[in-house]
Protein backbone atom coordinates (compact mmCIF):
# COMPACT_ATOMS: atom_id res chain seq x y z
CA MET A 1 -29.77 -8.82 -13.26
CA ALA A 2 -26.08 -8.03 -12.79
CA THR A 3 -25.28 -4.62 -11.34
CA GLY A 4 -21.54 -4.70 -11.95
CA LYS A 5 -20.91 -4.40 -8.20
CA PRO A 6 -19.04 -7.13 -6.38
CA PRO A 7 -21.09 -9.15 -3.90
CA PRO A 8 -20.98 -8.04 -0.26
CA TRP A 9 -18.14 -9.44 1.78
CA ASP A 10 -18.86 -12.32 4.08
CA PRO A 11 -17.03 -12.73 7.43
CA LEU A 12 -14.26 -14.78 5.79
CA ASN A 13 -13.57 -12.05 3.20
CA ARG A 14 -13.42 -9.40 5.93
CA ALA A 15 -11.13 -11.55 8.08
CA TYR A 16 -8.72 -12.10 5.16
CA PHE A 17 -8.64 -8.38 4.30
CA ASN A 18 -8.18 -7.30 7.91
CA GLY A 19 -5.48 -9.91 8.45
CA TYR A 20 -3.29 -9.04 5.48
CA ALA A 21 -3.85 -5.28 5.97
CA LEU A 22 -2.77 -5.37 9.62
CA TRP A 23 0.14 -7.71 8.84
CA SER A 24 1.38 -5.48 6.04
CA TYR A 25 1.02 -2.22 8.05
CA LEU A 26 3.00 -3.66 10.96
CA THR A 27 5.74 -5.25 8.85
CA MET A 28 5.92 -2.93 5.83
CA SER A 29 9.54 -1.78 6.23
CA PHE A 30 10.63 -5.43 6.52
CA LEU A 31 8.57 -6.39 3.45
CA PHE A 32 10.73 -4.03 1.38
CA THR A 33 13.61 -6.51 1.80
CA LEU A 34 11.78 -9.63 0.58
CA PRO A 35 12.97 -11.36 -2.60
CA GLY A 36 11.10 -10.01 -5.61
CA VAL A 37 10.25 -6.64 -4.02
CA ARG A 38 11.63 -3.73 -6.04
CA VAL A 39 12.13 -0.30 -4.45
CA GLU A 40 12.91 2.92 -6.30
CA GLU A 41 13.37 6.45 -5.01
CA LEU A 42 11.17 9.09 -6.67
CA ALA A 43 11.62 12.85 -6.83
CA PRO A 44 11.06 14.58 -3.46
CA TRP A 45 7.55 15.77 -2.59
CA GLU A 46 6.67 19.11 -0.97
CA GLU A 47 3.81 19.15 1.48
CA GLY A 48 2.99 22.03 3.85
CA GLY A 49 6.46 23.54 3.49
CA GLN A 50 8.13 20.21 4.22
CA HIS A 51 10.18 18.15 1.79
CA TRP A 52 9.47 14.43 1.89
CA ARG A 53 11.49 11.67 0.30
CA ARG A 54 9.43 9.17 -1.68
CA LEU A 55 9.82 5.48 -2.32
CA ARG A 56 7.83 3.55 -4.88
CA VAL A 57 7.63 -0.11 -3.95
CA HIS A 58 6.68 -2.86 -6.41
CA PHE A 59 5.45 -5.99 -4.65
CA PRO A 60 5.33 -9.42 -6.29
CA VAL A 61 1.92 -11.10 -6.40
CA SER A 62 3.18 -13.55 -3.78
CA VAL A 63 2.95 -10.76 -1.15
CA ALA A 64 -0.62 -10.21 0.07
CA THR A 65 -1.09 -6.45 0.09
CA HIS A 66 -3.52 -3.79 -1.17
CA CYS A 67 -1.88 -3.50 -4.59
CA THR A 68 1.39 -4.30 -6.31
CA VAL A 69 2.66 -0.69 -6.57
CA GLN A 70 2.61 1.64 -3.56
CA ASP A 71 4.21 5.01 -2.73
CA PHE A 72 5.67 5.89 0.68
CA TYR A 73 6.59 9.42 1.84
CA PHE A 74 9.16 10.02 4.60
CA GLY A 75 10.02 13.20 6.52
CA ALA A 76 13.51 14.45 7.33
CA ASP A 77 13.36 12.30 10.50
CA PHE A 78 12.71 9.22 8.30
CA LEU A 79 9.25 8.68 9.81
CA LEU A 80 6.47 7.70 7.44
CA ARG A 81 4.28 10.71 6.62
CA ARG A 82 2.02 9.33 3.90
CA HIS A 83 1.26 6.04 2.14
CA ASP A 84 -0.51 6.07 -1.25
CA TYR A 85 -2.00 2.96 -2.85
CA GLN A 86 -5.04 1.66 -4.67
CA VAL A 87 -7.32 -0.87 -2.99
CA ASP A 88 -7.47 -3.62 -5.60
CA VAL A 89 -10.30 -5.45 -3.82
CA SER A 90 -12.38 -2.25 -4.07
CA ALA A 91 -12.03 -1.72 -7.82
CA GLY A 92 -8.77 0.22 -7.46
CA LEU A 93 -10.15 2.86 -5.06
CA PRO A 94 -7.29 5.31 -4.37
CA ALA A 95 -6.26 5.64 -0.72
CA ALA A 96 -3.75 7.75 1.20
């Protein structure tokens, strides 16, 4: 009987996920410059009295990442403060 849940991950699935996740976290700012990646600036975001600039990044399917559209929030010092996305391999679970 089908439960609608995906089957548990085997070691190969976990290795693939961990590999592309780590690769994308360490190289994310460079990924923004790849052909086919589209970046747009969104309205600023206020968080805890701070104003953060936001980028929405659209990745082509050729880039292994959590999902094709992700939002990045940067402080006045241009350091990343927040990263919002949906984990496609977990039924679109929202993550920040």
